[in-house]
Amino acid sequence: MHSLYEIETTVKRVARHQGLSWGIAEEAGKIVRSLEQSELPGLESFNRLISFPYNKCETVIDLTKNNHKNLCPIHFSLFFLDQSHATDLHQSFKFLNMQEPLLAIPLLIKAAQKNLISFEFTSTELKFLISSGNIMILDKNQIPHQSNNITMKISNKRQPQYSEETWDRLYELSLETFVEESEEKKLSGAGAGLTDND
């Protein structure tokens, strides 16, 4: 059993060895650490990613194109972390496939919290939802090594998870905590009131 610090440092060094810049290598270390801390197989996923011919991974994302193939999950999630504040990103995007989609999740969570937006990731093999409240729906037992036919929807509209009837009822109950103030209480508040203390 290795410490989270050891895992983060080792991944960072390996990512740098693979030719990534120090900045992206540091993010890779944080990603894997976060996944391992959440009891998700981040280290195994990273190991498979670097075993994939990295020169075949697409690291530059041009959202005017819809035919991205073998997307790198680290570059993919960093793009959305850096650019998700832009209003023109609040729409749907389609990609052919991505290697090790699990590695994209931690930075998408960070982007959602930073910009108060949500990400809905849907592919043939996997679906997850990330919101600014850090809610993630993911089946740990069915994490694919590659996702195909990906659709990513981004929205800054928070959808309430309750009915208006529920809100009205709870709001009415909350009003019952207020007690009407008596005339005597009003006069005994702050200030000199009717009594001259001089």
N, C-alpha and C. Protein backbone atom coordinates (compact mmCIF):
# COMPACT_ATOMS: atom_id res chain seq x y z
N MET A 1 0.86 -1.19 0.00
CA MET A 1 0.00 0.00 0.00
C MET A 1 0.89 1.24 0.00
N HIS A 2 0.70 2.11 -0.97
CA HIS A 2 1.51 3.31 -1.09
C HIS A 2 0.69 4.53 -0.69
N SER A 3 1.38 5.53 -0.18
CA SER A 3 0.68 6.74 0.25
C SER A 3 0.20 7.52 -0.97
N LEU A 4 -0.81 8.37 -0.75
CA LEU A 4 -1.32 9.20 -1.84
C LEU A 4 -0.24 10.14 -2.37
N TYR A 5 0.62 10.59 -1.48
CA TYR A 5 1.73 11.46 -1.91
C TYR A 5 2.67 10.72 -2.85
N GLU A 6 3.00 9.47 -2.49
CA GLU A 6 3.88 8.65 -3.35
C GLU A 6 3.24 8.44 -4.72
N ILE A 7 1.95 8.16 -4.73
CA ILE A 7 1.23 7.94 -6.00
C ILE A 7 1.27 9.20 -6.85
N GLU A 8 0.95 10.34 -6.25
CA GLU A 8 0.94 11.60 -7.00
C GLU A 8 2.31 11.93 -7.57
N THR A 9 3.36 11.78 -6.75
CA THR A 9 4.72 12.10 -7.19
C THR A 9 5.19 11.17 -8.31
N THR A 10 4.91 9.89 -8.17
CA THR A 10 5.33 8.91 -9.18
C THR A 10 4.63 9.18 -10.52
N VAL A 11 3.32 9.43 -10.46
CA VAL A 11 2.58 9.70 -11.70
C VAL A 11 3.10 10.97 -12.36
N LYS A 12 3.37 11.98 -11.57
CA LYS A 12 3.89 13.24 -12.11
C LYS A 12 5.20 13.01 -12.84
N ARG A 13 6.09 12.22 -12.24
CA ARG A 13 7.40 11.96 -12.86
C ARG A 13 7.24 11.14 -14.14
N VAL A 14 6.36 10.15 -14.10
CA VAL A 14 6.14 9.31 -15.29
C VAL A 14 5.54 10.14 -16.42
N ALA A 15 4.57 11.01 -16.07
CA ALA A 15 3.95 11.87 -17.10
C ALA A 15 4.99 12.78 -17.73
N ARG A 16 5.90 13.30 -16.92
CA ARG A 16 6.97 14.14 -17.45
C ARG A 16 7.89 13.32 -18.35
N HIS A 17 8.19 12.10 -17.94
CA HIS A 17 9.02 11.19 -18.73
C HIS A 17 8.38 10.89 -20.08
N GLN A 18 7.02 10.88 -20.11
CA GLN A 18 6.30 10.60 -21.35
C GLN A 18 6.27 11.81 -22.29
N GLY A 19 6.86 12.91 -21.85
CA GLY A 19 6.95 14.09 -22.73
C GLY A 19 5.95 15.19 -22.43
N LEU A 20 5.13 15.03 -21.37
CA LEU A 20 4.19 16.08 -21.02
C LEU A 20 4.92 17.21 -20.31
N SER A 21 4.40 18.42 -20.41
CA SER A 21 5.02 19.55 -19.72
C SER A 21 4.88 19.34 -18.21
N TRP A 22 5.69 20.05 -17.43
CA TRP A 22 5.62 19.90 -15.97
C TRP A 22 4.24 20.28 -15.45
N GLY A 23 3.64 21.30 -16.03
CA GLY A 23 2.31 21.73 -15.58
C GLY A 23 1.26 20.64 -15.77
N ILE A 24 1.25 20.02 -16.95
CA ILE A 24 0.28 18.96 -17.22
C ILE A 24 0.63 17.71 -16.43
N ALA A 25 1.93 17.46 -16.27
CA ALA A 25 2.36 16.30 -15.47
C ALA A 25 1.88 16.45 -14.01
N GLU A 26 1.94 17.66 -13.47
CA GLU A 26 1.46 17.91 -12.11
C GLU A 26 -0.04 17.65 -12.01
N GLU A 27 -0.78 18.09 -13.04
CA GLU A 27 -2.22 17.84 -13.04
C GLU A 27 -2.52 16.34 -13.11
N ALA A 28 -1.72 15.62 -13.89
CA ALA A 28 -1.91 14.16 -14.00
C ALA A 28 -1.73 13.51 -12.63
N GLY A 29 -0.72 13.95 -11.88
CA GLY A 29 -0.50 13.42 -10.53
C GLY A 29 -1.68 13.69 -9.62
N LYS A 30 -2.22 14.90 -9.69
CA LYS A 30 -3.38 15.26 -8.85
C LYS A 30 -4.63 14.46 -9.24
N ILE A 31 -4.80 14.24 -10.54
CA ILE A 31 -5.95 13.47 -11.04
C ILE A 31 -5.93 12.06 -10.46
N VAL A 32 -4.79 11.40 -10.60
CA VAL A 32 -4.69 10.01 -10.14
C VAL A 32 -4.83 9.94 -8.62
N ARG A 33 -4.22 10.88 -7.92
CA ARG A 33 -4.35 10.92 -6.45
C ARG A 33 -5.81 11.05 -6.04
N SER A 34 -6.53 11.96 -6.70
CA SER A 34 -7.94 12.18 -6.39
C SER A 34 -8.77 10.93 -6.62
N LEU A 35 -8.52 10.24 -7.71
CA LEU A 35 -9.27 9.01 -8.02
C LEU A 35 -8.97 7.91 -7.01
N GLU A 36 -7.70 7.74 -6.69
CA GLU A 36 -7.33 6.71 -5.72
C GLU A 36 -7.92 7.02 -4.34
N GLN A 37 -7.96 8.29 -3.99
CA GLN A 37 -8.54 8.70 -2.72
C GLN A 37 -10.04 8.39 -2.69
N SER A 38 -10.67 8.42 -3.86
CA SER A 38 -12.10 8.11 -3.98
C SER A 38 -12.35 6.63 -4.22
N GLU A 39 -11.30 5.83 -4.09
CA GLU A 39 -11.38 4.37 -4.29
C GLU A 39 -11.80 4.01 -5.71
N LEU A 40 -11.29 4.79 -6.67
CA LEU A 40 -11.46 4.50 -8.09
C LEU A 40 -10.09 4.15 -8.66
N PRO A 41 -10.02 3.27 -9.65
CA PRO A 41 -8.72 2.76 -10.13
C PRO A 41 -7.96 3.74 -11.02
N GLY A 42 -7.55 4.86 -10.45
CA GLY A 42 -6.85 5.88 -11.21
C GLY A 42 -5.48 5.45 -11.70
N LEU A 43 -4.73 4.75 -10.84
CA LEU A 43 -3.38 4.33 -11.21
C LEU A 43 -3.41 3.30 -12.33
N GLU A 44 -4.34 2.36 -12.26
CA GLU A 44 -4.48 1.36 -13.33
C GLU A 44 -4.86 2.05 -14.64
N SER A 45 -5.75 3.02 -14.55
CA SER A 45 -6.19 3.75 -15.74
C SER A 45 -5.04 4.53 -16.36
N PHE A 46 -4.24 5.18 -15.50
CA PHE A 46 -3.09 5.95 -15.99
C PHE A 46 -2.06 5.02 -16.63
N ASN A 47 -1.84 3.86 -16.01
CA ASN A 47 -0.89 2.88 -16.56
C ASN A 47 -1.30 2.44 -17.96
N ARG A 48 -2.59 2.21 -18.16
CA ARG A 48 -3.06 1.81 -19.50
C ARG A 48 -2.93 2.96 -20.48
N LEU A 49 -3.16 4.19 -20.00
CA LEU A 49 -3.08 5.35 -20.89
C LEU A 49 -1.67 5.52 -21.43
N ILE A 50 -0.67 5.40 -20.56
CA ILE A 50 0.70 5.60 -21.05
C ILE A 50 1.19 4.40 -21.85
N SER A 51 0.51 3.25 -21.72
CA SER A 51 0.86 2.09 -22.53
C SER A 51 0.31 2.23 -23.94
N PHE A 52 -0.74 3.05 -24.08
CA PHE A 52 -1.30 3.34 -25.40
C PHE A 52 -0.29 4.22 -26.13
N PRO A 53 -0.03 3.98 -27.42
CA PRO A 53 0.94 4.82 -28.14
C PRO A 53 0.56 6.30 -28.03
N TYR A 54 1.33 7.04 -27.20
CA TYR A 54 0.89 8.39 -26.87
C TYR A 54 0.87 9.32 -28.07
N ASN A 55 1.70 9.00 -29.09
CA ASN A 55 1.68 9.85 -30.28
C ASN A 55 0.38 9.67 -31.07
N LYS A 56 -0.43 8.67 -30.67
CA LYS A 56 -1.73 8.49 -31.32
C LYS A 56 -2.86 9.16 -30.53
N CYS A 57 -2.53 9.69 -29.35
CA CYS A 57 -3.54 10.39 -28.55
C CYS A 57 -3.66 11.82 -29.04
N GLU A 58 -4.89 12.26 -29.18
CA GLU A 58 -5.13 13.63 -29.63
C GLU A 58 -5.14 14.54 -28.41
N THR A 59 -4.24 15.53 -28.42
CA THR A 59 -4.09 16.41 -27.27
C THR A 59 -4.61 17.82 -27.52
N VAL A 60 -4.82 18.18 -28.77
CA VAL A 60 -5.33 19.52 -29.09
C VAL A 60 -6.79 19.39 -29.49
N ILE A 61 -7.64 20.15 -28.81
CA ILE A 61 -9.08 20.05 -29.08
C ILE A 61 -9.54 21.29 -29.83
N ASP A 62 -10.08 21.08 -31.01
CA ASP A 62 -10.70 22.14 -31.79
C ASP A 62 -12.19 21.82 -31.83
N LEU A 63 -12.97 22.60 -31.09
CA LEU A 63 -14.38 22.27 -30.94
C LEU A 63 -15.21 22.56 -32.19
N THR A 64 -14.57 23.09 -33.23
CA THR A 64 -15.30 23.27 -34.49
C THR A 64 -15.37 21.94 -35.25
N LYS A 65 -14.58 20.96 -34.79
CA LYS A 65 -14.59 19.64 -35.42
C LYS A 65 -15.30 18.64 -34.51
N ASN A 66 -15.94 17.65 -35.11
CA ASN A 66 -16.65 16.64 -34.34
C ASN A 66 -16.07 15.25 -34.52
N ASN A 67 -14.87 15.17 -35.08
CA ASN A 67 -14.32 13.85 -35.40
C ASN A 67 -13.08 13.53 -34.58
N HIS A 68 -13.03 14.01 -33.35
CA HIS A 68 -11.86 13.75 -32.52
C HIS A 68 -11.74 12.26 -32.21
N LYS A 69 -10.53 11.74 -32.37
CA LYS A 69 -10.31 10.31 -32.18
C LYS A 69 -9.19 10.10 -31.16
N ASN A 70 -9.37 9.10 -30.29
CA ASN A 70 -8.36 8.79 -29.27
C ASN A 70 -7.98 10.01 -28.44
N LEU A 71 -8.98 10.71 -27.95
CA LEU A 71 -8.72 11.89 -27.13
C LEU A 71 -7.96 11.52 -25.86
N CYS A 72 -7.02 12.36 -25.49
CA CYS A 72 -6.32 12.21 -24.21
C CYS A 72 -7.23 12.77 -23.11
N PRO A 73 -7.59 11.99 -22.10
CA PRO A 73 -8.53 12.48 -21.08
C PRO A 73 -7.97 13.63 -20.25
N ILE A 74 -6.65 13.68 -20.11
CA ILE A 74 -6.03 14.74 -19.30
C ILE A 74 -6.12 16.07 -20.04
N HIS A 75 -5.72 16.08 -21.31
CA HIS A 75 -5.83 17.31 -22.11
C HIS A 75 -7.29 17.71 -22.30
N PHE A 76 -8.15 16.73 -22.50
CA PHE A 76 -9.58 16.98 -22.68
C PHE A 76 -10.16 17.71 -21.47
N SER A 77 -9.91 17.19 -20.28
CA SER A 77 -10.49 17.79 -19.08
C SER A 77 -9.83 19.14 -18.75
N LEU A 78 -8.53 19.26 -19.03
CA LEU A 78 -7.85 20.55 -18.82
C LEU A 78 -8.42 21.63 -19.72
N PHE A 79 -8.77 21.25 -20.96
CA PHE A 79 -9.38 22.21 -21.87
C PHE A 79 -10.68 22.75 -21.28
N PHE A 80 -11.53 21.84 -20.78
CA PHE A 80 -12.80 22.29 -20.24
C PHE A 80 -12.64 23.03 -18.92
N LEU A 81 -11.59 22.71 -18.16
CA LEU A 81 -11.32 23.47 -16.94
C LEU A 81 -10.91 24.89 -17.28
N ASP A 82 -10.07 25.03 -18.30
CA ASP A 82 -9.57 26.36 -18.69
C ASP A 82 -10.60 27.19 -19.45
N GLN A 83 -11.48 26.52 -20.22
CA GLN A 83 -12.37 27.24 -21.13
C GLN A 83 -13.84 27.22 -20.74
N SER A 84 -14.21 26.51 -19.67
CA SER A 84 -15.63 26.30 -19.39
C SER A 84 -16.36 27.56 -18.94
N HIS A 85 -15.61 28.64 -18.67
CA HIS A 85 -16.27 29.90 -18.32
C HIS A 85 -16.82 30.61 -19.56
N ALA A 86 -16.36 30.19 -20.74
CA ALA A 86 -16.78 30.85 -21.97
C ALA A 86 -18.23 30.50 -22.29
N THR A 87 -19.02 31.52 -22.63
CA THR A 87 -20.45 31.30 -22.85
C THR A 87 -20.71 30.41 -24.06
N ASP A 88 -19.82 30.43 -25.05
CA ASP A 88 -20.07 29.64 -26.25
C ASP A 88 -19.82 28.15 -26.03
N LEU A 89 -19.35 27.77 -24.84
CA LEU A 89 -19.15 26.36 -24.55
C LEU A 89 -20.39 25.71 -23.97
N HIS A 90 -21.39 26.50 -23.63
CA HIS A 90 -22.59 25.95 -22.99
C HIS A 90 -23.51 25.34 -24.05
N GLN A 91 -23.11 24.19 -24.51
CA GLN A 91 -23.83 23.49 -25.57
C GLN A 91 -23.41 22.03 -25.57
N SER A 92 -23.69 21.31 -26.65
CA SER A 92 -23.31 19.90 -26.75
C SER A 92 -22.15 19.73 -27.73
N PHE A 93 -21.28 18.80 -27.41
CA PHE A 93 -20.16 18.48 -28.28
C PHE A 93 -20.12 16.98 -28.51
N LYS A 94 -19.64 16.57 -29.67
CA LYS A 94 -19.57 15.14 -29.99
C LYS A 94 -18.13 14.76 -30.35
N PHE A 95 -17.69 13.62 -29.83
CA PHE A 95 -16.35 13.11 -30.10
C PHE A 95 -16.45 11.62 -30.43
N LEU A 96 -15.52 11.14 -31.26
CA LEU A 96 -15.56 9.73 -31.65
C LEU A 96 -15.22 8.83 -30.47
N ASN A 97 -14.08 9.07 -29.84
CA ASN A 97 -13.72 8.24 -28.70
C ASN A 97 -12.65 8.90 -27.83
N MET A 98 -12.45 8.34 -26.66
CA MET A 98 -11.46 8.83 -25.71
C MET A 98 -10.85 7.65 -24.98
N GLN A 99 -9.56 7.70 -24.79
CA GLN A 99 -8.88 6.67 -24.00
C GLN A 99 -9.07 6.98 -22.51
N GLU A 100 -9.31 5.98 -21.71
CA GLU A 100 -9.38 6.07 -20.25
C GLU A 100 -10.20 7.28 -19.75
N PRO A 101 -11.51 7.29 -20.03
CA PRO A 101 -12.35 8.44 -19.65
C PRO A 101 -12.39 8.72 -18.14
N LEU A 102 -12.09 7.72 -17.32
CA LEU A 102 -12.08 7.93 -15.87
C LEU A 102 -11.16 9.07 -15.48
N LEU A 103 -10.04 9.21 -16.18
CA LEU A 103 -9.05 10.23 -15.84
C LEU A 103 -9.55 11.66 -16.09
N ALA A 104 -10.63 11.80 -16.84
CA ALA A 104 -11.17 13.14 -17.11
C ALA A 104 -12.03 13.66 -15.96
N ILE A 105 -12.51 12.78 -15.11
CA ILE A 105 -13.53 13.15 -14.12
C ILE A 105 -13.06 14.18 -13.08
N PRO A 106 -11.90 14.02 -12.42
CA PRO A 106 -11.53 14.97 -11.37
C PRO A 106 -11.47 16.43 -11.83
N LEU A 107 -10.90 16.67 -13.02
CA LEU A 107 -10.81 18.06 -13.49
C LEU A 107 -12.15 18.59 -13.96
N LEU A 108 -13.04 17.71 -14.44
CA LEU A 108 -14.39 18.16 -14.79
C LEU A 108 -15.15 18.57 -13.52
N ILE A 109 -14.92 17.84 -12.43
CA ILE A 109 -15.53 18.23 -11.14
C ILE A 109 -15.03 19.61 -10.74
N LYS A 110 -13.71 19.82 -10.88
CA LYS A 110 -13.12 21.12 -10.54
C LYS A 110 -13.69 22.23 -11.41
N ALA A 111 -13.85 21.97 -12.71
CA ALA A 111 -14.40 22.96 -13.64
C ALA A 111 -15.85 23.29 -13.28
N ALA A 112 -16.62 22.27 -12.91
CA ALA A 112 -18.02 22.48 -12.54
C ALA A 112 -18.13 23.35 -11.30
N GLN A 113 -17.28 23.11 -10.31
CA GLN A 113 -17.31 23.90 -9.08
C GLN A 113 -16.83 25.33 -9.34
N LYS A 114 -15.81 25.46 -10.16
CA LYS A 114 -15.21 26.78 -10.42
C LYS A 114 -16.18 27.70 -11.17
N ASN A 115 -16.91 27.14 -12.13
CA ASN A 115 -17.75 27.96 -13.01
C ASN A 115 -19.25 27.73 -12.82
N LEU A 116 -19.64 26.96 -11.77
CA LEU A 116 -21.05 26.70 -11.47
C LEU A 116 -21.80 26.19 -12.69
N ILE A 117 -21.24 25.15 -13.31
CA ILE A 117 -21.87 24.55 -14.48
C ILE A 117 -21.97 23.04 -14.25
N SER A 118 -22.60 22.35 -15.17
CA SER A 118 -22.69 20.89 -15.07
C SER A 118 -22.23 20.26 -16.37
N PHE A 119 -21.73 19.04 -16.25
CA PHE A 119 -21.28 18.25 -17.40
C PHE A 119 -22.06 16.95 -17.43
N GLU A 120 -22.64 16.65 -18.56
CA GLU A 120 -23.31 15.36 -18.74
C GLU A 120 -22.56 14.61 -19.83
N PHE A 121 -21.88 13.56 -19.43
CA PHE A 121 -21.04 12.77 -20.34
C PHE A 121 -21.78 11.48 -20.68
N THR A 122 -22.02 11.28 -21.96
CA THR A 122 -22.72 10.07 -22.40
C THR A 122 -21.93 9.42 -23.52
N SER A 123 -21.71 8.12 -23.40
CA SER A 123 -21.07 7.37 -24.48
C SER A 123 -21.75 6.01 -24.57
N THR A 124 -21.31 5.20 -25.51
CA THR A 124 -21.88 3.86 -25.66
C THR A 124 -21.69 3.04 -24.38
N GLU A 125 -20.55 3.23 -23.73
CA GLU A 125 -20.20 2.37 -22.59
C GLU A 125 -20.40 3.03 -21.22
N LEU A 126 -20.50 4.33 -21.16
CA LEU A 126 -20.42 5.02 -19.87
C LEU A 126 -21.28 6.28 -19.87
N LYS A 127 -21.86 6.57 -18.72
CA LYS A 127 -22.59 7.82 -18.55
C LYS A 127 -22.32 8.35 -17.15
N PHE A 128 -22.02 9.65 -17.06
CA PHE A 128 -21.91 10.25 -15.74
C PHE A 128 -22.34 11.70 -15.80
N LEU A 129 -22.74 12.21 -14.64
CA LEU A 129 -23.20 13.59 -14.50
C LEU A 129 -22.39 14.24 -13.41
N ILE A 130 -21.85 15.41 -13.71
CA ILE A 130 -21.09 16.17 -12.72
C ILE A 130 -21.71 17.56 -12.63
N SER A 131 -22.01 17.99 -11.41
CA SER A 131 -22.57 19.33 -11.22
C SER A 131 -21.67 20.10 -10.27
N SER A 132 -21.98 21.39 -10.09
CA SER A 132 -21.18 22.23 -9.20
C SER A 132 -21.27 21.76 -7.76
N GLY A 133 -22.29 20.94 -7.45
CA GLY A 133 -22.42 20.38 -6.11
C GLY A 133 -21.62 19.10 -5.94
N ASN A 134 -20.77 18.78 -6.94
CA ASN A 134 -19.87 17.64 -6.86
C ASN A 134 -20.64 16.31 -6.84
N ILE A 135 -21.77 16.26 -7.54
CA ILE A 135 -22.54 15.02 -7.62
C ILE A 135 -22.09 14.26 -8.85
N MET A 136 -21.72 13.00 -8.67
CA MET A 136 -21.25 12.20 -9.79
C MET A 136 -22.00 10.88 -9.79
N ILE A 137 -22.58 10.54 -10.91
CA ILE A 137 -23.26 9.26 -11.06
C ILE A 137 -22.37 8.38 -11.92
N LEU A 138 -21.84 7.32 -11.33
CA LEU A 138 -20.88 6.48 -12.04
C LEU A 138 -20.90 5.09 -11.43
N ASP A 139 -20.97 4.09 -12.28
CA ASP A 139 -20.92 2.70 -11.81
C ASP A 139 -19.46 2.27 -11.77
N LYS A 140 -18.93 2.11 -10.54
CA LYS A 140 -17.52 1.76 -10.38
C LYS A 140 -17.17 0.43 -11.04
N ASN A 141 -18.13 -0.44 -11.17
CA ASN A 141 -17.87 -1.77 -11.71
C ASN A 141 -17.90 -1.82 -13.23
N GLN A 142 -18.28 -0.72 -13.86
CA GLN A 142 -18.38 -0.72 -15.31
C GLN A 142 -17.66 0.48 -15.91
N ILE A 143 -16.40 0.66 -15.55
CA ILE A 143 -15.62 1.76 -16.08
C ILE A 143 -14.84 1.25 -17.29
N PRO A 144 -15.15 1.74 -18.48
CA PRO A 144 -14.49 1.23 -19.69
C PRO A 144 -13.09 1.80 -19.85
N HIS A 145 -12.26 1.10 -20.62
CA HIS A 145 -10.92 1.59 -20.93
C HIS A 145 -10.98 2.61 -22.06
N GLN A 146 -12.08 2.56 -22.81
CA GLN A 146 -12.26 3.52 -23.90
C GLN A 146 -13.74 3.80 -24.03
N SER A 147 -14.08 5.06 -24.30
CA SER A 147 -15.47 5.43 -24.56
C SER A 147 -15.63 5.82 -26.01
N ASN A 148 -16.75 5.42 -26.62
CA ASN A 148 -17.01 5.71 -28.03
C ASN A 148 -18.31 6.48 -28.18
N ASN A 149 -18.42 7.22 -29.27
CA ASN A 149 -19.63 7.99 -29.59
C ASN A 149 -20.03 8.87 -28.40
N ILE A 150 -19.13 9.78 -28.06
CA ILE A 150 -19.30 10.61 -26.86
C ILE A 150 -20.09 11.87 -27.17
N THR A 151 -21.00 12.19 -26.27
CA THR A 151 -21.69 13.48 -26.29
C THR A 151 -21.44 14.15 -24.95
N MET A 152 -21.00 15.40 -24.98
CA MET A 152 -20.77 16.16 -23.76
C MET A 152 -21.69 17.37 -23.77
N LYS A 153 -22.60 17.44 -22.81
CA LYS A 153 -23.52 18.59 -22.69
C LYS A 153 -23.07 19.45 -21.52
N ILE A 154 -22.99 20.75 -21.75
CA ILE A 154 -22.57 21.68 -20.70
C ILE A 154 -23.68 22.69 -20.49
N SER A 155 -23.99 22.94 -19.24
CA SER A 155 -25.08 23.87 -18.94
C SER A 155 -24.75 24.66 -17.69
N ASN A 156 -25.19 25.92 -17.64
CA ASN A 156 -25.03 26.71 -16.42
C ASN A 156 -26.38 26.94 -15.75
N LYS A 157 -27.38 26.19 -16.17
CA LYS A 157 -28.71 26.32 -15.58
C LYS A 157 -28.91 25.20 -14.56
N ARG A 158 -28.98 25.59 -13.30
CA ARG A 158 -29.15 24.60 -12.24
C ARG A 158 -30.60 24.14 -12.23
N GLN A 159 -30.79 22.85 -12.31
CA GLN A 159 -32.13 22.28 -12.32
C GLN A 159 -32.54 21.91 -10.90
N PRO A 160 -33.63 22.47 -10.36
CA PRO A 160 -34.06 22.10 -9.02
C PRO A 160 -34.50 20.65 -8.98
N GLN A 161 -34.17 19.97 -7.89
CA GLN A 161 -34.52 18.57 -7.73
C GLN A 161 -35.72 18.42 -6.78
N TYR A 162 -36.60 19.41 -6.79
CA TYR A 162 -37.77 19.38 -5.90
C TYR A 162 -38.93 20.06 -6.60
N SER A 163 -40.14 19.79 -6.11
CA SER A 163 -41.34 20.38 -6.71
C SER A 163 -41.67 21.71 -6.03
N GLU A 164 -42.46 22.51 -6.71
CA GLU A 164 -42.91 23.78 -6.12
C GLU A 164 -43.77 23.53 -4.88
N GLU A 165 -44.54 22.44 -4.92
CA GLU A 165 -45.39 22.11 -3.76
C GLU A 165 -44.54 21.84 -2.53
N THR A 166 -43.43 21.12 -2.71
CA THR A 166 -42.54 20.85 -1.59
C THR A 166 -41.96 22.14 -1.04
N TRP A 167 -41.52 23.02 -1.95
CA TRP A 167 -40.96 24.30 -1.50
C TRP A 167 -42.00 25.11 -0.73
N ASP A 168 -43.21 25.23 -1.28
CA ASP A 168 -44.26 26.02 -0.63
C ASP A 168 -44.56 25.51 0.78
N ARG A 169 -44.64 24.18 0.91
CA ARG A 169 -44.94 23.58 2.22
C ARG A 169 -43.83 23.89 3.23
N LEU A 170 -42.59 23.69 2.81
CA LEU A 170 -41.47 23.92 3.73
C LEU A 170 -41.32 25.39 4.07
N TYR A 171 -41.59 26.25 3.11
CA TYR A 171 -41.48 27.68 3.38
C TYR A 171 -42.54 28.12 4.38
N GLU A 172 -43.77 27.61 4.22
CA GLU A 172 -44.84 27.92 5.18
C GLU A 172 -44.47 27.45 6.59
N LEU A 173 -43.90 26.25 6.68
CA LEU A 173 -43.49 25.75 7.99
C LEU A 173 -42.39 26.61 8.59
N SER A 174 -41.49 27.11 7.75
CA SER A 174 -40.40 27.94 8.25
C SER A 174 -40.91 29.25 8.84
N LEU A 175 -42.04 29.75 8.32
CA LEU A 175 -42.60 31.00 8.83
C LEU A 175 -43.14 30.85 10.24
N GLU A 176 -43.45 29.62 10.64
CA GLU A 176 -44.01 29.39 11.97
C GLU A 176 -42.97 29.55 13.07
N THR A 177 -41.70 29.71 12.69
CA THR A 177 -40.67 29.93 13.71
C THR A 177 -40.68 31.36 14.21
N PHE A 178 -41.32 32.26 13.47
CA PHE A 178 -41.37 33.66 13.89
C PHE A 178 -42.48 33.84 14.91
N VAL A 179 -42.19 34.55 16.01
CA VAL A 179 -43.17 34.84 17.06
C VAL A 179 -43.49 36.32 16.99
N GLU A 180 -44.78 36.63 17.01
CA GLU A 180 -45.17 38.04 16.97
C GLU A 180 -44.68 38.75 18.22
N GLU A 181 -44.13 39.94 18.03
CA GLU A 181 -43.57 40.70 19.14
C GLU A 181 -44.67 41.48 19.85
N SER A 182 -44.66 41.42 21.19
CA SER A 182 -45.66 42.17 21.96
C SER A 182 -45.21 43.62 22.08
N GLU A 183 -46.15 44.51 22.45
CA GLU A 183 -45.85 45.93 22.61
C GLU A 183 -44.83 46.14 23.73
N GLU A 184 -44.96 45.32 24.80
CA GLU A 184 -44.04 45.43 25.93
C GLU A 184 -42.61 45.07 25.53
N LYS A 185 -42.51 44.01 24.69
CA LYS A 185 -41.19 43.58 24.22
C LYS A 185 -40.54 44.66 23.37
N LYS A 186 -41.34 45.30 22.52
CA LYS A 186 -40.81 46.35 21.65
C LYS A 186 -40.19 47.46 22.47
N LEU A 187 -40.86 47.84 23.59
CA LEU A 187 -40.38 48.95 24.40
C LEU A 187 -39.16 48.59 25.23
N SER A 188 -38.96 47.28 25.48
CA SER A 188 -37.83 46.88 26.30
C SER A 188 -36.59 46.56 25.46
N GLY A 189 -36.64 46.93 24.21
CA GLY A 189 -35.50 46.67 23.33
C GLY A 189 -34.39 47.66 23.55
N ALA A 190 -33.54 47.83 22.55
CA ALA A 190 -32.41 48.74 22.66
C ALA A 190 -32.85 50.18 22.81
N GLY A 191 -32.06 51.00 23.46
CA GLY A 191 -32.39 52.42 23.64
C GLY A 191 -32.95 52.68 25.01
N ALA A 192 -33.18 53.95 25.31
CA ALA A 192 -33.65 54.34 26.67
C ALA A 192 -35.11 54.05 26.88
N GLY A 193 -35.90 53.96 25.84
CA GLY A 193 -37.34 53.69 25.99
C GLY A 193 -38.05 54.85 26.71
N LEU A 194 -39.02 54.55 27.60
CA LEU A 194 -39.79 55.60 28.27
C LEU A 194 -39.17 56.03 29.60
N THR A 195 -38.16 55.29 30.03
CA THR A 195 -37.57 55.60 31.34
C THR A 195 -36.31 56.42 31.14
N ASP A 196 -36.24 57.53 31.86
CA ASP A 196 -35.04 58.37 31.78
C ASP A 196 -34.07 57.91 32.84
N ASN A 197 -32.90 57.48 32.47
CA ASN A 197 -31.94 56.93 33.42
C ASN A 197 -30.98 57.97 33.98
N ASP A 198 -31.12 59.21 33.56
CA ASP A 198 -30.17 60.25 34.02
C ASP A 198 -30.42 60.62 35.48
